[in-house]
Protein backbone atom coordinates (compact mmCIF):
# COMPACT_ATOMS: atom_id res chain seq x y z
CA MET A 1 88.67 87.66 119.66
CA PRO A 2 88.89 86.70 123.36
CA VAL A 3 91.54 83.95 122.92
CA TYR A 4 94.80 84.18 121.01
CA ARG A 5 97.00 81.15 120.35
CA LEU A 6 100.55 82.46 120.17
CA SER A 7 101.61 79.37 118.23
CA GLN A 8 99.17 80.33 115.46
CA LEU A 9 100.03 84.03 115.22
CA PRO A 10 102.50 85.34 112.66
CA VAL A 11 106.08 85.83 113.85
CA GLY A 12 107.68 89.14 112.98
CA ASN A 13 110.14 91.77 114.12
CA ILE A 14 109.19 93.53 117.33
CA GLY A 15 110.50 97.05 117.83
CA SER A 16 112.61 96.82 114.70
CA ALA A 17 113.78 100.42 115.09
CA TYR A 18 115.77 99.43 118.21
CA SER A 19 115.50 95.65 118.72
CA THR A 20 116.31 92.29 117.12
CA ALA A 21 113.34 90.63 118.87
CA GLN A 22 111.18 88.23 116.89
CA GLY A 23 107.83 86.81 117.90
CA PRO A 24 104.06 87.02 117.86
CA VAL A 25 102.32 90.15 119.17
CA VAL A 26 98.77 90.75 120.38
CA LEU A 27 97.53 94.35 120.42
CA GLY A 28 94.63 95.15 122.70
CA GLN A 29 92.85 98.47 123.06
CA HIS A 30 95.55 99.80 125.40
CA LEU A 31 98.19 97.05 125.75
CA GLU A 32 100.80 95.26 123.68
CA PHE A 33 101.55 91.66 124.69
CA ALA A 34 104.45 89.96 122.93
CA GLN A 35 106.32 86.68 123.14
CA VAL A 36 109.85 87.82 122.32
CA HIS A 37 112.76 85.71 121.18
CA TYR A 38 116.35 86.97 121.17
CA GLN A 39 119.29 85.07 119.71
CA SER A 40 122.43 84.85 121.86
CA GLY A 41 124.25 88.19 121.95
CA LYS A 42 121.27 90.06 120.44
CA GLY A 43 118.74 92.32 122.11
CA ALA A 44 117.36 95.83 122.24
CA ARG A 45 119.54 98.95 122.01
CA PRO A 46 119.04 101.74 124.56
CA HIS A 47 115.59 103.29 124.18
CA ARG A 48 112.71 104.66 126.25
CA HIS A 49 108.96 105.04 125.96
CA PRO A 50 106.34 107.03 127.92
CA HIS A 51 104.70 104.01 129.57
CA GLU A 52 105.97 101.30 131.87
CA GLN A 53 106.85 97.80 130.67
CA LEU A 54 107.03 94.39 132.32
CA ILE A 55 109.27 91.66 130.86
CA TYR A 56 108.90 88.09 132.17
CA VAL A 57 111.84 85.80 131.36
CA VAL A 58 110.60 82.34 130.29
CA GLU A 59 113.92 80.76 129.32
CA GLY A 60 117.54 81.79 129.06
CA GLN A 61 119.43 84.62 130.73
CA LEU A 62 118.62 88.19 129.81
CA TRP A 63 121.15 90.88 130.71
CA ALA A 64 119.35 94.18 131.26
CA ARG A 65 120.06 97.78 132.10
CA VAL A 66 117.18 99.84 133.46
CA GLY A 67 118.33 103.38 134.13
CA GLU A 68 121.70 103.01 135.86
CA GLU A 69 121.03 99.52 137.23
CA GLU A 70 122.44 96.43 135.43
CA PHE A 71 121.53 92.81 136.20
CA VAL A 72 120.91 89.39 134.65
CA ALA A 73 117.32 88.15 134.76
CA GLU A 74 116.66 84.40 134.75
CA PRO A 75 113.55 82.27 134.15
CA GLY A 76 110.79 83.35 136.50
CA ASP A 77 112.17 86.89 136.93
CA ILE A 78 110.17 89.96 135.94
CA ILE A 79 111.95 93.13 134.81
CA HIS A 80 110.04 96.33 135.59
CA VAL A 81 110.81 99.31 133.34
CA PRO A 82 109.25 102.53 134.69
CA PRO A 83 107.91 105.17 132.27
CA ASP A 84 110.50 107.31 130.42
CA VAL A 85 113.49 105.34 131.77
CA GLU A 86 116.19 104.37 129.29
CA HIS A 87 116.69 100.62 129.12
CA GLU A 88 118.30 97.89 127.03
CA VAL A 89 118.52 94.09 127.04
CA MET A 90 120.73 91.36 125.55
CA ALA A 91 120.49 87.56 125.50
CA LYS A 92 123.45 86.22 127.45
CA GLY A 93 125.01 82.81 126.80
CA GLY A 94 122.22 81.48 124.59
CA PRO A 95 118.81 82.32 123.21
CA VAL A 96 116.13 83.94 125.38
CA THR A 97 112.35 83.73 125.35
CA ALA A 98 110.44 86.36 127.31
CA ILE A 99 106.98 87.86 127.58
CA SER A 100 106.69 91.63 127.27
CA CYS A 101 103.65 93.65 128.23
CA LYS A 102 103.41 97.42 127.88
CA ASN A 103 100.95 100.17 127.07
CA LEU A 104 100.50 101.22 123.48
CA VAL A 105 102.25 104.49 122.65
CA ASN A 106 99.92 106.94 120.89
CA GLY A 107 97.61 104.01 120.18
CA GLN A 108 100.39 102.09 118.42
CA GLY A 109 102.41 98.99 119.30
CA SER A 110 106.14 98.60 118.80
CA PRO A 111 107.26 99.29 115.23
CA ARG A 112 107.27 96.05 113.20
C-alpha cells in the first residue's frame, strides 16, 4: 500500500519492553515510522539499538537524554539518536506527540 492514513491505523504500544508510547506504526521493508504519544511524566527508559533514530516533536515538550547530553525538545525540533547510543525520553509538563523513524532491527520493528 503506497498511502497510510495514520488516523485509520490501529493504536498500540510501541516498544513496550522499554516505553509507554502509544500510537500507530507503519513498517516498511527497512524502516519503522511511528506517531508516538506519551502522557505527561511518561516516556522511554534507557535503551539502545544498532541503528540511528530520528524523533520529530509535533506537540508538547520532550525531555531527552542522548548519550551524556540532556535537553528539552519542543515542537519543530528533531532529536537525532546515533547507532548504539543509550537514550531515553520523557514527556515534560503535559502530553507529547512525536514522529519516530528508525531502521528495523533484524527485520523487526519495536516490540508491541
